Protein backbone atom coordinates (compact mmCIF):
# COMPACT_ATOMS: atom_id res chain seq x y z
CA MET A 1 -65.11 1.57 -99.34
CA THR A 2 -64.64 1.20 -103.09
CA LEU A 3 -60.95 1.65 -103.90
CA LEU A 4 -60.99 0.81 -107.64
CA GLU A 5 -63.88 1.12 -110.05
CA ILE A 6 -63.91 0.06 -113.70
CA ARG A 7 -66.78 1.47 -115.77
CA ASP A 8 -67.69 0.07 -119.20
CA LEU A 9 -64.05 -0.45 -120.13
CA ASN A 10 -63.11 -1.14 -123.75
CA VAL A 11 -59.52 -1.77 -124.86
CA ASN A 12 -58.35 -2.55 -128.39
CA TYR A 13 -55.23 -3.96 -129.99
CA GLY A 14 -55.55 -2.37 -133.39
CA HIS A 15 -58.92 -3.55 -134.70
CA ILE A 16 -59.13 -6.39 -132.18
CA GLU A 17 -61.36 -5.84 -129.16
CA ALA A 18 -59.38 -7.25 -126.21
CA ILE A 19 -61.70 -5.90 -123.49
CA ARG A 20 -65.37 -5.38 -124.25
CA GLY A 21 -67.43 -3.25 -121.90
CA ILE A 22 -66.40 -4.70 -118.56
CA SER A 23 -67.38 -3.10 -115.26
CA PHE A 24 -66.37 -4.13 -111.76
CA SER A 25 -65.10 -2.68 -108.51
CA VAL A 26 -62.55 -3.60 -105.86
CA GLU A 27 -63.37 -2.90 -102.23
CA GLU A 28 -60.61 -1.78 -99.91
CA GLY A 29 -59.12 -4.56 -97.77
CA THR A 30 -60.22 -7.39 -100.06
CA ILE A 31 -58.80 -9.85 -102.54
CA THR A 32 -60.56 -9.63 -105.90
CA THR A 33 -59.66 -12.18 -108.56
CA LEU A 34 -59.99 -12.36 -112.34
CA ILE A 35 -59.92 -15.87 -113.76
CA GLY A 36 -60.24 -17.10 -117.31
CA ALA A 37 -58.49 -18.92 -120.11
CA ASN A 38 -55.48 -17.62 -121.99
CA GLY A 39 -56.51 -14.71 -124.19
CA ALA A 40 -59.56 -13.87 -122.09
CA GLY A 41 -58.27 -10.35 -121.37
CA LYS A 42 -57.04 -10.71 -117.79
CA THR A 43 -53.54 -9.31 -118.27
CA THR A 44 -54.82 -6.59 -120.60
CA THR A 45 -57.20 -5.50 -117.85
CA LEU A 46 -54.36 -5.17 -115.34
CA LYS A 47 -52.15 -3.34 -117.83
CA THR A 48 -54.95 -0.88 -118.50
CA ILE A 49 -55.53 -0.30 -114.79
CA SER A 50 -51.82 0.36 -114.27
CA GLY A 51 -51.70 2.70 -117.28
CA LEU A 52 -49.65 0.54 -119.64
CA ARG A 53 -52.51 0.15 -122.14
CA LYS A 54 -54.64 2.99 -123.47
CA VAL A 55 -58.37 2.97 -122.96
CA HIS A 56 -60.51 2.98 -126.11
CA SER A 57 -63.58 3.97 -124.09
CA GLY A 58 -64.80 3.72 -120.52
CA SER A 59 -63.27 4.90 -117.26
CA VAL A 60 -60.95 3.83 -114.45
CA PHE A 61 -61.42 5.37 -111.00
CA PHE A 62 -59.03 4.98 -108.07
CA ASP A 63 -60.03 6.21 -104.63
CA GLY A 64 -62.81 8.22 -106.26
CA LYS A 65 -60.51 9.96 -108.76
CA ASP A 66 -60.72 9.47 -112.52
CA ILE A 67 -57.31 8.06 -113.52
CA THR A 68 -58.29 6.93 -117.01
CA ASN A 69 -55.67 9.17 -118.61
CA ALA A 70 -53.16 9.30 -115.76
CA LYS A 71 -49.56 8.27 -116.46
CA PRO A 72 -48.32 5.00 -114.94
CA TYR A 73 -45.96 6.80 -112.54
CA GLU A 74 -48.82 9.02 -111.38
CA ARG A 75 -50.82 5.92 -110.49
CA VAL A 76 -47.89 4.56 -108.51
CA LYS A 77 -47.72 7.81 -106.57
CA MET A 78 -51.43 7.43 -105.79
CA GLY A 79 -50.82 3.98 -104.33
CA LEU A 80 -51.45 1.57 -107.22
CA THR A 81 -48.64 -0.81 -108.21
CA GLN A 82 -48.27 -3.99 -110.23
CA SER A 83 -46.23 -7.17 -110.05
CA PRO A 84 -46.16 -8.08 -113.75
CA GLU A 85 -46.67 -11.41 -115.46
CA GLY A 86 -43.42 -13.28 -116.02
CA ARG A 87 -41.64 -11.69 -113.00
CA ARG A 88 -39.66 -9.17 -115.06
CA CYS A 89 -36.98 -8.29 -112.55
CA PHE A 90 -33.96 -6.24 -113.54
CA PRO A 91 -31.60 -9.19 -114.11
CA GLY A 92 -28.31 -7.31 -113.92
CA MET A 93 -29.21 -5.56 -110.68
CA THR A 94 -29.00 -7.01 -107.19
CA VAL A 95 -31.99 -7.96 -105.09
CA MET A 96 -31.59 -4.79 -103.03
CA GLU A 97 -31.30 -2.62 -106.12
CA ASN A 98 -34.50 -4.16 -107.51
CA LEU A 99 -36.32 -3.42 -104.26
CA GLU A 100 -35.01 0.14 -104.31
CA MET A 101 -36.41 0.54 -107.82
CA GLY A 102 -39.84 -0.26 -106.41
CA ALA A 103 -39.46 2.70 -104.06
CA LEU A 104 -38.04 5.03 -106.69
CA LEU A 105 -40.87 7.56 -106.48
CA ARG A 106 -40.90 7.69 -102.70
CA LYS A 107 -39.49 10.80 -101.04
CA ASP A 108 -39.03 9.17 -97.63
CA ARG A 109 -36.30 6.69 -98.48
CA ARG A 110 -34.29 7.64 -95.38
CA SER A 111 -37.27 7.45 -93.05
CA ALA A 112 -38.35 4.90 -90.48
CA ALA A 113 -41.40 4.13 -92.67
CA TYR A 114 -39.12 3.12 -95.54
CA ARG A 115 -37.11 0.83 -93.28
CA GLU A 116 -40.33 -0.66 -91.93
CA ASP A 117 -41.50 -1.44 -95.48
CA LEU A 118 -38.17 -3.08 -96.28
CA GLU A 119 -38.44 -5.20 -93.15
CA ARG A 120 -42.01 -6.06 -94.13
CA VAL A 121 -40.81 -7.36 -97.50
CA PHE A 122 -38.03 -9.35 -95.85
CA GLY A 123 -40.58 -10.74 -93.39
CA LEU A 124 -42.79 -11.92 -96.25
CA PHE A 125 -39.85 -13.15 -98.33
CA PRO A 126 -36.95 -14.20 -96.05
CA ARG A 127 -35.09 -15.60 -99.05
CA LEU A 128 -34.69 -12.07 -100.42
CA GLN A 129 -32.93 -10.92 -97.27
CA GLU A 130 -30.53 -13.83 -97.62
CA ARG A 131 -29.70 -12.74 -101.17
CA VAL A 132 -29.66 -8.96 -101.06
CA LYS A 133 -26.36 -8.75 -102.95
CA GLN A 134 -27.16 -11.43 -105.54
CA ALA A 135 -27.97 -10.47 -109.13
CA ALA A 136 -31.66 -11.04 -109.80
CA GLY A 137 -30.93 -12.80 -113.09
CA THR A 138 -29.09 -15.62 -111.29
CA MET A 139 -32.01 -16.47 -109.00
CA SER A 140 -34.57 -19.24 -109.46
CA GLY A 141 -37.99 -18.55 -110.96
CA GLY A 142 -39.65 -18.70 -107.56
CA GLU A 143 -37.16 -16.28 -106.07
CA GLN A 144 -37.65 -13.88 -108.97
CA GLN A 145 -41.41 -14.02 -108.41
CA MET A 146 -40.89 -13.13 -104.76
CA LEU A 147 -38.65 -10.26 -105.81
CA ALA A 148 -41.20 -8.90 -108.29
CA MET A 149 -43.89 -8.95 -105.60
CA GLY A 150 -41.56 -7.43 -103.02
CA ARG A 151 -40.57 -4.68 -105.43
CA ALA A 152 -44.25 -3.78 -105.98
CA LEU A 153 -44.80 -3.61 -102.21
CA MET A 154 -41.86 -1.23 -101.71
CA ALA A 155 -43.96 1.57 -103.21
CA ARG A 156 -46.24 1.17 -100.16
CA PRO A 157 -49.34 0.62 -102.34
CA ARG A 158 -52.94 0.72 -101.24
CA LEU A 159 -53.75 -1.64 -104.12
CA VAL A 160 -51.33 -4.13 -105.64
CA LEU A 161 -52.05 -5.86 -108.95
CA LEU A 162 -50.64 -9.40 -109.06
CA ASP A 163 -50.47 -10.93 -112.53
CA GLU A 164 -50.12 -14.74 -112.50
CA PRO A 165 -47.88 -14.96 -109.40
CA SER A 166 -47.92 -18.78 -109.48
CA MET A 167 -47.06 -19.18 -113.16
CA GLY A 168 -44.35 -21.78 -113.82
CA LEU A 169 -43.72 -22.57 -110.15
CA ALA A 170 -43.50 -25.95 -108.44
CA PRO A 171 -46.51 -26.94 -106.27
CA LYS A 172 -44.68 -26.27 -102.99
CA LEU A 173 -43.77 -22.76 -104.12
CA ILE A 174 -47.29 -22.13 -105.41
CA ARG A 175 -48.68 -22.82 -101.94
CA GLN A 176 -46.08 -20.51 -100.44
CA ILE A 177 -46.89 -17.69 -102.87
CA PHE A 178 -50.60 -17.91 -102.13
CA SER A 179 -49.95 -17.89 -98.38
CA ILE A 180 -48.02 -14.67 -98.93
CA VAL A 181 -50.95 -13.22 -100.89
CA ASP A 182 -53.13 -13.92 -97.84
CA GLU A 183 -50.59 -12.20 -95.60
CA ILE A 184 -50.41 -9.15 -97.88
CA LYS A 185 -54.16 -8.74 -97.45
CA ALA A 186 -53.92 -9.32 -93.70
CA GLN A 187 -51.35 -6.53 -93.47
CA GLY A 188 -53.82 -4.09 -95.02
CA THR A 189 -52.98 -4.01 -98.73
CA THR A 190 -55.85 -4.55 -101.16
CA VAL A 191 -55.15 -7.14 -103.87
CA LEU A 192 -56.41 -7.52 -107.43
CA LEU A 193 -55.23 -10.93 -108.57
CA VAL A 194 -55.08 -12.42 -112.05
CA GLU A 195 -54.52 -16.14 -111.85
CA GLN A 196 -54.94 -19.30 -113.90
CA ASN A 197 -54.74 -21.49 -110.80
CA ALA A 198 -58.43 -21.01 -110.17
CA ASN A 199 -58.58 -23.45 -107.26
CA GLN A 200 -56.11 -21.50 -105.16
CA ALA A 201 -57.38 -18.12 -106.31
CA LEU A 202 -61.05 -18.72 -105.57
CA LYS A 203 -60.29 -20.15 -102.12
CA ARG A 204 -59.08 -16.79 -100.89
CA SER A 205 -61.08 -14.34 -103.03
CA ASP A 206 -63.68 -12.12 -101.46
CA VAL A 207 -65.01 -11.47 -104.97
CA ALA A 208 -64.11 -13.11 -108.28
CA HIS A 209 -64.96 -12.46 -111.92
CA VAL A 210 -64.74 -14.87 -114.83
CA LEU A 211 -63.54 -13.37 -118.12
CA GLU A 212 -64.23 -14.93 -121.52
CA THR A 213 -63.12 -13.23 -124.74
CA GLY A 214 -62.91 -9.82 -123.12
CA LYS A 215 -66.21 -9.94 -121.24
CA ILE A 216 -67.14 -10.71 -117.65
CA VAL A 217 -69.53 -13.66 -117.81
CA ARG A 218 -69.81 -14.54 -114.11
CA SER A 219 -69.19 -12.71 -110.84
CA GLY A 220 -69.63 -13.48 -107.17
CA PRO A 221 -67.92 -14.49 -103.94
CA GLY A 222 -64.93 -16.76 -104.55
CA GLU A 223 -66.50 -19.69 -102.68
CA LYS A 224 -69.73 -19.37 -104.66
CA LEU A 225 -67.93 -19.40 -108.01
CA ALA A 226 -65.80 -22.35 -106.88
CA ALA A 227 -69.05 -24.30 -106.39
CA ASP A 228 -70.55 -23.22 -109.72
CA PRO A 229 -70.78 -26.31 -111.99
CA ALA A 230 -69.89 -24.32 -115.13
CA VAL A 231 -66.83 -22.78 -113.47
CA LYS A 232 -65.82 -26.16 -112.10
CA ALA A 233 -66.03 -27.76 -115.51
CA ALA A 234 -64.11 -25.01 -117.28
CA TYR A 235 -61.44 -23.97 -114.80
CA LEU A 236 -61.14 -26.20 -111.74
CA GLY A 237 -58.81 -29.08 -112.46
CA GLY A 238 -56.48 -30.73 -109.99
CA ASP A 239 -55.54 -28.59 -107.01
CA VAL A 240 -52.03 -27.97 -105.70
């Protein structure tokens, strides 16, 4: 089943075309990855899907509904959340308060389902449970990344957008983060991943797309793109 569909999407920053006529879909229960160099349009694509950037032309559909003009909070209610680039936790709030912010729009915060989702997050990120009363701003970069991802999951999304989850992390933590991405998929949440660590991303992607200057120039199964000589030359350096 197609959960997300992008049709001929164009996004501008003033007179600059950041996204130029891209189209792709995300099937439910999969990991779909966007790779590309800095400035290729990956983060802009995610921001547009989550409603943080306006569409110049084209359409965004989620679960068969046109959400092109929907507000960001409306998309969250529908089951679409994002873990943003650069972690962006609330630094003066505790770990628990940050997680509660992720569930802000839920009306079942005293229910068993809410408690189950909190336990799910703690199961994926045991470090967060150890630090529930600690201010997010005093945590390490890796811990903040875990918190940003956990916060996104507390909305109980059907699709979670992960923007550069491995950015700035040590190799050991990068491997841990990608293992968690696998587990998120295994638990039934669809993932749209933006990632510069193409080696790790392509390994686990059901489908991947290569963006260059706002356009999709290659698409296919992750393993197939990982074996593509042009992709290898441009994006696949040393693995971690």
